[in-house]
Each structure stands twice: as structure tokens, then as C-alpha cells.
Amino acid sequence: MDATLEVVKREGRGKNEANRLRASGRIPGVVYGTGAKGKAPEGVAVAVDPKALLKILHSDSGANTLITLSLDGAQSRVMVKEYQLDPITHHLLHADFYQLAMDKAITVTVPIEIKGESKGVKVQGGLLDFVTRDIEVECLPTDIPEHIEVDVTELMLHQSIRVRDLAQDPKWKAVTDADTMLVHVVMPKAEESATAAAAEAAPAAAAEPEVIKKGKTEEKEEEKKK
């Protein structure tokens, strides 16, 4: 998804200026450039409309949305680098953006989406355990997937799907460790407890015949003595 966001430069810095800005209906932000010759990118202080930014963050692509940023009549392609929310009101307090080089790959976090109903759940009575809900991938800014689909239809009890099992896509490459488990089908806890209890009781049951046998042997020895 692409979006457009208009920002304006701000001159003031500091906590008091940030509070005044928020009181006026905007929030402080910083736009970081791509940098040059190995130097760290310089930040440009801006004022942002929080409502417009929240609309972008609440979209399907969320923080991975490509944004056409308009600043002083010039446009650039950016993404949200990070943002800060009030812990009580959940209002936006601050946002950082970084400018993209459209021909260079970036690393982003993409959510995993489950598709289908596992046979291990439907037929065998197992439970689907969704272990890892997002992974990191490397791709060009224009190729960022909104989500990565994982089909669990053929997944049976005690089977799992890991990052290495994902279908290959020429547009992106998984960066998260290949052994990372995404989803697996497990036995319900009640059944696990019953199985464990039966396993613990089994040795005691097997020992009973030995005790009985030993008792009969002792009785025969006593009869011989008599």
C-alpha cells in the first residue's frame, strides 16, 4: 500500500516546544535521510498530523506502508522508523521516518497469516499452536509483502512448519533463522497429562508380579523347612 503524508518543518526543540506542538493538534517528528559516503543520516525536525499518520499505521500494511512524504514542496519516499504512543491514552506522541533508496533492499518485519484448517486438529483432535507471528524479510521497498501466508491444511499431530518450509518467493528472502518454528499441532494438555500419568504408573504395575512371585518362593522355602 502507498500513502501520502504532508509535514512541515519545525524550528523549536525540547519538551516545552513538543508540548505546545501537541496542544496545537500536531506531533513532533524527525525525517532521516539516506546518508552519504558512510556518514550517518541527518535528521530534519518536522511537525506531523497524528490523525493522518494513525490512519496509515492502522492500514493492512501498517508501519511497512510506503509513504510519499511532502515537505517544503519536495517529495520523497519514506517509511515509519518508529513511533511513540501515550501508555494511557494511546495517542501518538512522536514519529521518526527514514528516507528510502528505492533500488536498495531493506529488512522489514512481516506478519504470518494462517490459512486452512489443520487435519491434525480436525481429524486427530490436536491443538494448533501459533508460535511465531511475524518474521524478518529482506526485499526492495516496492516488494514488501503485507503478510506471508502459511497453509496448515496438511499439518498432522506433532508436525510443524518452520521458516525453512516457507514457499520461496523471488521478491523477498527470509532473514529470520531457518529453524524458527512458526506453527505446530500439539496434543491437548489434558490428554498429555493422562498419558504422562499412565507412563508413570506402568512401572509400578509391572513390579507387582515380581512381589507376588517372591512371596510364593518364600512360602515354598518355608514348607521345605517344615
C-alpha atoms as a PDB file:
ATOM      1  CA  MET A   1       0.000   0.000   0.000  1.00  0.00           C
ATOM      2  CA  ASP A   2       1.146   3.546  -0.808  1.00  0.00           C
ATOM      3  CA  ALA A   3       0.095   6.619   1.143  1.00  0.00           C
ATOM      4  CA  THR A   4       0.728  10.350   1.115  1.00  0.00           C
ATOM      5  CA  LEU A   5       1.630  12.432   4.151  1.00  0.00           C
ATOM      6  CA  GLU A   6       2.301  16.152   4.328  1.00  0.00           C
ATOM      7  CA  VAL A   7       4.633  17.503   7.012  1.00  0.00           C
ATOM      8  CA  VAL A   8       6.130  20.907   7.794  1.00  0.00           C
ATOM      9  CA  LYS A   9       9.492  21.879   9.225  1.00  0.00           C
ATOM     10  CA  ARG A  10       9.640  22.917  12.861  1.00  0.00           C
ATOM     11  CA  GLU A  11      12.268  25.186  14.322  1.00  0.00           C
ATOM     12  CA  GLY A  12      11.827  24.649  18.041  1.00  0.00           C
ATOM     13  CA  ARG A  13      13.213  21.738  20.002  1.00  0.00           C
ATOM     14  CA  GLY A  14      12.798  20.421  23.502  1.00  0.00           C
ATOM     15  CA  LYS A  15       9.998  19.203  25.739  1.00  0.00           C
ATOM     16  CA  ASN A  16       8.143  22.521  26.044  1.00  0.00           C
ATOM     17  CA  GLU A  17       8.064  23.031  22.295  1.00  0.00           C
ATOM     18  CA  ALA A  18       6.851  19.457  21.793  1.00  0.00           C
ATOM     19  CA  ASN A  19       4.006  20.016  24.277  1.00  0.00           C
ATOM     20  CA  ARG A  20       2.988  23.240  22.507  1.00  0.00           C
ATOM     21  CA  LEU A  21       3.018  21.420  19.200  1.00  0.00           C
ATOM     22  CA  ARG A  22       0.788  18.634  20.544  1.00  0.00           C
ATOM     23  CA  ALA A  23      -1.584  21.211  22.012  1.00  0.00           C
ATOM     24  CA  SER A  24      -1.962  22.698  18.521  1.00  0.00           C
ATOM     25  CA  GLY A  25      -3.026  19.317  17.102  1.00  0.00           C
ATOM     26  CA  ARG A  26       0.283  18.131  15.675  1.00  0.00           C
ATOM     27  CA  ILE A  27       3.120  15.957  16.965  1.00  0.00           C
ATOM     28  CA  PRO A  28       6.905  16.266  16.600  1.00  0.00           C
ATOM     29  CA  GLY A  29       8.742  14.007  14.189  1.00  0.00           C
ATOM     30  CA  VAL A  30      12.104  13.565  12.522  1.00  0.00           C
ATOM     31  CA  VAL A  31      12.843  12.605   8.910  1.00  0.00           C
ATOM     32  CA  TYR A  32      16.170  10.859   8.433  1.00  0.00           C
ATOM     33  CA  GLY A  33      17.856  10.899   5.058  1.00  0.00           C
ATOM     34  CA  THR A  34      19.790   8.071   3.434  1.00  0.00           C
ATOM     35  CA  GLY A  35      23.173   9.488   4.428  1.00  0.00           C
ATOM     36  CA  ALA A  36      26.165   9.919   2.167  1.00  0.00           C
ATOM     37  CA  LYS A  37      29.711   8.489   1.953  1.00  0.00           C
ATOM     38  CA  GLY A  38      29.256   6.342   5.033  1.00  0.00           C
ATOM     39  CA  LYS A  39      28.072   9.245   7.184  1.00  0.00           C
ATOM     40  CA  ALA A  40      25.093   8.883   9.493  1.00  0.00           C
ATOM     41  CA  PRO A  41      21.934  10.429   8.025  1.00  0.00           C
ATOM     42  CA  GLU A  42      20.974  13.857   9.295  1.00  0.00           C
ATOM     43  CA  GLY A  43      17.537  14.345  10.765  1.00  0.00           C
ATOM     44  CA  VAL A  44      15.089  17.073   9.769  1.00  0.00           C
ATOM     45  CA  ALA A  45      12.688  18.106  12.532  1.00  0.00           C
ATOM     46  CA  VAL A  46       9.077  18.165  11.317  1.00  0.00           C
ATOM     47  CA  ALA A  47       5.517  18.563  12.580  1.00  0.00           C
ATOM     48  CA  VAL A  48       3.082  15.765  11.695  1.00  0.00           C
ATOM     49  CA  ASP A  49      -0.704  15.399  11.663  1.00  0.00           C
ATOM     50  CA  PRO A  50      -1.239  12.446  14.083  1.00  0.00           C
ATOM     51  CA  LYS A  51      -4.655  11.533  12.649  1.00  0.00           C
ATOM     52  CA  ALA A  52      -3.261  11.134   9.129  1.00  0.00           C
ATOM     53  CA  LEU A  53      -0.347   9.067  10.428  1.00  0.00           C
ATOM     54  CA  LEU A  54      -2.579   6.838  12.573  1.00  0.00           C
ATOM     55  CA  LYS A  55      -4.703   6.080   9.523  1.00  0.00           C
ATOM     56  CA  ILE A  56      -1.552   4.805   7.798  1.00  0.00           C
ATOM     57  CA  LEU A  57      -0.395   2.789  10.818  1.00  0.00           C
ATOM     58  CA  HIS A  58      -3.838   1.157  11.130  1.00  0.00           C
ATOM     59  CA  SER A  59      -3.874   0.070   7.474  1.00  0.00           C
ATOM     60  CA  ASP A  60      -3.188  -3.522   6.399  1.00  0.00           C
ATOM     61  CA  SER A  61       0.475  -2.775   5.727  1.00  0.00           C
ATOM     62  CA  GLY A  62       0.889  -0.764   8.951  1.00  0.00           C
ATOM     63  CA  ALA A  63       4.400   0.525   9.609  1.00  0.00           C
ATOM     64  CA  ASN A  64       5.558  -1.165   6.375  1.00  0.00           C
ATOM     65  CA  THR A  65       3.493   1.266   4.290  1.00  0.00           C
ATOM     66  CA  LEU A  66       5.418   3.189   1.639  1.00  0.00           C
ATOM     67  CA  ILE A  67       4.729   6.879   2.262  1.00  0.00           C
ATOM     68  CA  THR A  68       5.148   9.697  -0.207  1.00  0.00           C
ATOM     69  CA  LEU A  69       6.267  12.454   2.158  1.00  0.00           C
ATOM     70  CA  SER A  70       5.663  16.045   1.079  1.00  0.00           C
ATOM     71  CA  LEU A  71       8.000  18.581   2.718  1.00  0.00           C
ATOM     72  CA  ASP A  72       8.515  22.159   1.507  1.00  0.00           C
ATOM     73  CA  GLY A  73       7.192  21.279  -1.945  1.00  0.00           C
ATOM     74  CA  ALA A  74       9.581  18.352  -2.369  1.00  0.00           C
ATOM     75  CA  GLN A  75       8.535  14.714  -2.202  1.00  0.00           C
ATOM     76  CA  SER A  76      10.429  11.663  -1.011  1.00  0.00           C
ATOM     77  CA  ARG A  77       9.576   8.023  -0.293  1.00  0.00           C
ATOM     78  CA  VAL A  78       9.803   7.123   3.375  1.00  0.00           C
ATOM     79  CA  MET A  79       8.673   4.555   5.923  1.00  0.00           C
ATOM     80  CA  VAL A  80       7.909   4.922   9.609  1.00  0.00           C
ATOM     81  CA  LYS A  81      11.070   4.030  11.509  1.00  0.00           C
ATOM     82  CA  GLU A  82       9.499   4.130  14.966  1.00  0.00           C
ATOM     83  CA  TYR A  83       6.733   5.903  16.822  1.00  0.00           C
ATOM     84  CA  GLN A  84       5.779   6.587  20.420  1.00  0.00           C
ATOM     85  CA  LEU A  85       2.322   6.194  21.971  1.00  0.00           C
ATOM     86  CA  ASP A  86       0.994   7.549  25.250  1.00  0.00           C
ATOM     87  CA  PRO A  87       0.714   4.478  27.540  1.00  0.00           C
ATOM     88  CA  ILE A  88      -2.691   5.587  28.871  1.00  0.00           C
ATOM     89  CA  THR A  89      -4.487   7.370  26.026  1.00  0.00           C
ATOM     90  CA  HIS A  90      -2.611   5.588  23.191  1.00  0.00           C
ATOM     91  CA  HIS A  91      -2.352   8.921  21.387  1.00  0.00           C
ATOM     92  CA  LEU A  92       0.636   9.399  19.095  1.00  0.00           C
ATOM     93  CA  LEU A  93       3.396  11.431  20.746  1.00  0.00           C
ATOM     94  CA  HIS A  94       6.297  11.250  18.299  1.00  0.00           C
ATOM     95  CA  ALA A  95       7.287   9.649  14.993  1.00  0.00           C
ATOM     96  CA  ASP A  96      10.509   9.053  13.096  1.00  0.00           C
ATOM     97  CA  PHE A  97      10.695   8.435   9.351  1.00  0.00           C
ATOM     98  CA  TYR A  98      13.571   7.252   7.184  1.00  0.00           C
ATOM     99  CA  GLN A  99      14.042   8.012   3.538  1.00  0.00           C
ATOM    100  CA  LEU A 100      14.274   5.030   1.200  1.00  0.00           C
ATOM    101  CA  ALA A 101      16.594   4.297  -1.691  1.00  0.00           C
ATOM    102  CA  MET A 102      14.132   2.511  -3.947  1.00  0.00           C
ATOM    103  CA  ASP A 103      16.821   0.367  -5.597  1.00  0.00           C
ATOM    104  CA  LYS A 104      18.269  -0.937  -2.322  1.00  0.00           C
ATOM    105  CA  ALA A 105      16.915  -3.836  -0.269  1.00  0.00           C
ATOM    106  CA  ILE A 106      15.708  -3.209   3.272  1.00  0.00           C
ATOM    107  CA  THR A 107      14.855  -5.508   6.171  1.00  0.00           C
ATOM    108  CA  VAL A 108      11.292  -5.353   7.476  1.00  0.00           C
ATOM    109  CA  THR A 109       9.102  -7.334   9.856  1.00  0.00           C
ATOM    110  CA  VAL A 110       6.154  -9.044   8.168  1.00  0.00           C
ATOM    111  CA  PRO A 111       3.228 -10.807   9.899  1.00  0.00           C
ATOM    112  CA  ILE A 112       2.463 -14.506   9.354  1.00  0.00           C
ATOM    113  CA  GLU A 113      -1.112 -15.354   8.319  1.00  0.00           C
ATOM    114  CA  ILE A 114      -2.530 -18.855   8.849  1.00  0.00           C
ATOM    115  CA  LYS A 115      -4.584 -20.422   6.031  1.00  0.00           C
ATOM    116  CA  GLY A 116      -6.762 -23.545   6.222  1.00  0.00           C
ATOM    117  CA  GLU A 117      -7.756 -25.972   8.983  1.00  0.00           C
ATOM    118  CA  SER A 118      -5.169 -28.489  10.064  1.00  0.00           C
ATOM    119  CA  LYS A 119      -6.027 -32.201   9.708  1.00  0.00           C
ATOM    120  CA  GLY A 120      -4.243 -32.711  12.989  1.00  0.00           C
ATOM    121  CA  VAL A 121      -6.875 -30.503  14.610  1.00  0.00           C
ATOM    122  CA  LYS A 122      -9.912 -31.529  12.567  1.00  0.00           C
ATOM    123  CA  VAL A 123      -9.298 -35.284  12.438  1.00  0.00           C
ATOM    124  CA  GLN A 124      -6.892 -36.074  15.288  1.00  0.00           C
ATOM    125  CA  GLY A 125      -8.200 -33.665  17.916  1.00  0.00           C
ATOM    126  CA  GLY A 126      -4.960 -31.726  18.323  1.00  0.00           C
ATOM    127  CA  LEU A 127      -4.458 -28.024  19.027  1.00  0.00           C
ATOM    128  CA  LEU A 128      -2.820 -25.572  16.614  1.00  0.00           C
ATOM    129  CA  ASP A 129      -0.065 -23.659  18.412  1.00  0.00           C
ATOM    130  CA  PHE A 130       0.794 -20.404  16.603  1.00  0.00           C
ATOM    131  CA  VAL A 131       4.350 -19.899  17.888  1.00  0.00           C
ATOM    132  CA  THR A 132       5.907 -17.129  15.763  1.00  0.00           C
ATOM    133  CA  ARG A 133       3.552 -14.491  14.410  1.00  0.00           C
ATOM    134  CA  ASP A 134       5.980 -12.428  12.312  1.00  0.00           C
ATOM    135  CA  ILE A 135       9.392 -12.796  10.695  1.00  0.00           C
ATOM    136  CA  GLU A 136      12.015 -10.512   9.171  1.00  0.00           C
ATOM    137  CA  VAL A 137      12.476 -10.471   5.413  1.00  0.00           C
ATOM    138  CA  GLU A 138      14.789  -8.644   3.046  1.00  0.00           C
ATOM    139  CA  CYS A 139      13.324  -7.059  -0.090  1.00  0.00           C
ATOM    140  CA  LEU A 140      13.081  -3.915  -2.170  1.00  0.00           C
ATOM    141  CA  PRO A 141      10.766  -1.223  -0.750  1.00  0.00           C
ATOM    142  CA  THR A 142       8.237  -1.810  -3.535  1.00  0.00           C
ATOM    143  CA  ASP A 143       8.139  -5.581  -2.874  1.00  0.00           C
ATOM    144  CA  ILE A 144       7.236  -5.588   0.830  1.00  0.00           C
ATOM    145  CA  PRO A 145       4.515  -8.234   1.392  1.00  0.00           C
ATOM    146  CA  GLU A 146       1.584  -7.237   3.598  1.00  0.00           C
ATOM    147  CA  HIS A 147       1.737 -10.722   5.124  1.00  0.00           C
ATOM    148  CA  ILE A 148       3.174 -14.179   4.494  1.00  0.00           C
ATOM    149  CA  GLU A 149       0.613 -16.954   4.125  1.00  0.00           C
ATOM    150  CA  VAL A 150       1.176 -20.340   5.771  1.00  0.00           C
ATOM    151  CA  ASP A 151      -1.133 -23.193   4.705  1.00  0.00           C
ATOM    152  CA  VAL A 152      -1.639 -25.613   7.620  1.00  0.00           C
ATOM    153  CA  THR A 153      -4.240 -27.857   5.945  1.00  0.00           C
ATOM    154  CA  GLU A 154      -1.982 -30.950   5.727  1.00  0.00           C
ATOM    155  CA  LEU A 155      -0.398 -30.450   9.142  1.00  0.00           C
ATOM    156  CA  MET A 156      -0.892 -33.533  11.351  1.00  0.00           C
ATOM    157  CA  LEU A 157      -0.473 -34.060  15.098  1.00  0.00           C
ATOM    158  CA  HIS A 158       3.137 -33.408  16.264  1.00  0.00           C
ATOM    159  CA  GLN A 159       4.072 -31.887  12.892  1.00  0.00           C
ATOM    160  CA  SER A 160       5.337 -28.315  12.476  1.00  0.00           C
ATOM    161  CA  ILE A 161       6.124 -25.647   9.903  1.00  0.00           C
ATOM    162  CA  ARG A 162       9.364 -23.701  10.221  1.00  0.00           C
ATOM    163  CA  VAL A 163      10.790 -20.720   8.353  1.00  0.00           C
ATOM    164  CA  ARG A 164      12.742 -23.074   6.071  1.00  0.00           C
ATOM    165  CA  ASP A 165       9.433 -24.657   4.983  1.00  0.00           C
ATOM    166  CA  LEU A 166       8.007 -21.413   3.589  1.00  0.00           C
ATOM    167  CA  ALA A 167       7.404 -21.264  -0.154  1.00  0.00           C
ATOM    168  CA  GLN A 168      10.198 -19.424  -1.958  1.00  0.00           C
ATOM    169  CA  ASP A 169       9.339 -16.013  -3.369  1.00  0.00           C
ATOM    170  CA  PRO A 170      11.667 -14.155  -5.767  1.00  0.00           C
ATOM    171  CA  LYS A 171      10.570 -10.810  -4.317  1.00  0.00           C
ATOM    172  CA  TRP A 172      11.760 -11.409  -0.759  1.00  0.00           C
ATOM    173  CA  LYS A 173      14.183 -13.512   1.282  1.00  0.00           C
ATOM    174  CA  ALA A 174      13.630 -14.596   4.883  1.00  0.00           C
ATOM    175  CA  VAL A 175      16.207 -13.215   7.315  1.00  0.00           C
ATOM    176  CA  THR A 176      14.826 -14.896  10.435  1.00  0.00           C
ATOM    177  CA  ASP A 177      16.661 -18.123  11.359  1.00  0.00           C
ATOM    178  CA  ALA A 178      15.512 -21.023   9.164  1.00  0.00           C
ATOM    179  CA  ASP A 179      14.903 -23.291  12.179  1.00  0.00           C
ATOM    180  CA  THR A 180      12.452 -20.863  13.797  1.00  0.00           C
ATOM    181  CA  MET A 181       9.149 -22.663  14.374  1.00  0.00           C
ATOM    182  CA  LEU A 182       6.097 -20.853  13.050  1.00  0.00           C
ATOM    183  CA  VAL A 183       3.275 -23.249  13.918  1.00  0.00           C
ATOM    184  CA  HIS A 184       2.792 -26.835  15.106  1.00  0.00           C
ATOM    185  CA  VAL A 185      -0.012 -29.176  16.134  1.00  0.00           C
ATOM    186  CA  VAL A 186       0.172 -30.400  19.724  1.00  0.00           C
ATOM    187  CA  MET A 187      -1.793 -32.804  21.877  1.00  0.00           C
ATOM    188  CA  PRO A 188      -4.312 -31.140  24.224  1.00  0.00           C
ATOM    189  CA  LYS A 189      -2.831 -30.674  27.719  1.00  0.00           C
ATOM    190  CA  ALA A 190      -5.454 -32.882  29.396  1.00  0.00           C
ATOM    191  CA  GLU A 191      -4.502 -35.814  27.164  1.00  0.00           C
ATOM    192  CA  GLU A 192      -0.795 -35.133  27.689  1.00  0.00           C
ATOM    193  CA  SER A 193      -1.308 -35.283  31.460  1.00  0.00           C
ATOM    194  CA  ALA A 194      -3.259 -38.550  31.187  1.00  0.00           C
ATOM    195  CA  THR A 195      -0.546 -40.093  29.001  1.00  0.00           C
ATOM    196  CA  ALA A 196       2.189 -38.975  31.404  1.00  0.00           C
ATOM    197  CA  ALA A 197       0.265 -40.370  34.388  1.00  0.00           C
ATOM    198  CA  ALA A 198      -0.180 -43.721  32.635  1.00  0.00           C
ATOM    199  CA  ALA A 199       3.520 -43.852  31.831  1.00  0.00           C
ATOM    200  CA  GLU A 200       4.427 -43.196  35.476  1.00  0.00           C
ATOM    201  CA  ALA A 201       2.004 -45.867  36.716  1.00  0.00           C
ATOM    202  CA  ALA A 202       3.263 -48.517  34.268  1.00  0.00           C
ATOM    203  CA  PRO A 203       6.497 -49.437  36.159  1.00  0.00           C
ATOM    204  CA  ALA A 204       4.565 -49.894  39.433  1.00  0.00           C
ATOM    205  CA  ALA A 205       2.086 -52.244  37.742  1.00  0.00           C
ATOM    206  CA  ALA A 206       4.927 -54.288  36.234  1.00  0.00           C
ATOM    207  CA  ALA A 207       6.560 -54.642  39.652  1.00  0.00           C
ATOM    208  CA  GLU A 208       3.517 -56.308  41.243  1.00  0.00           C
ATOM    209  CA  PRO A 209       4.041 -59.789  39.686  1.00  0.00           C
ATOM    210  CA  GLU A 210       7.628 -59.783  40.995  1.00  0.00           C
ATOM    211  CA  VAL A 211       6.424 -59.164  44.540  1.00  0.00           C
ATOM    212  CA  ILE A 212       3.818 -61.949  44.229  1.00  0.00           C
ATOM    213  CA  LYS A 213       6.399 -64.347  42.756  1.00  0.00           C
ATOM    214  CA  LYS A 214       8.824 -63.565  45.531  1.00  0.00           C
ATOM    215  CA  GLY A 215       6.139 -64.237  48.101  1.00  0.00           C
ATOM    216  CA  LYS A 216       5.320 -67.690  46.648  1.00  0.00           C
ATOM    217  CA  THR A 217       9.004 -68.626  46.601  1.00  0.00           C
ATOM    218  CA  GLU A 218       9.342 -67.750  50.255  1.00  0.00           C
ATOM    219  CA  GLU A 219       6.272 -69.875  51.066  1.00  0.00           C
ATOM    220  CA  LYS A 220       7.822 -72.931  49.300  1.00  0.00           C
ATOM    221  CA  GLU A 221      11.089 -72.491  51.198  1.00  0.00           C
ATOM    222  CA  GLU A 222       9.164 -72.448  54.467  1.00  0.00           C
ATOM    223  CA  GLU A 223       7.308 -75.664  53.517  1.00  0.00           C
ATOM    224  CA  LYS A 224      10.615 -77.450  52.755  1.00  0.00           C
ATOM    225  CA  LYS A 225      11.953 -76.488  56.169  1.00  0.00           C
ATOM    226  CA  LYS A 226       8.880 -77.950  57.827  1.00  0.00           C
END
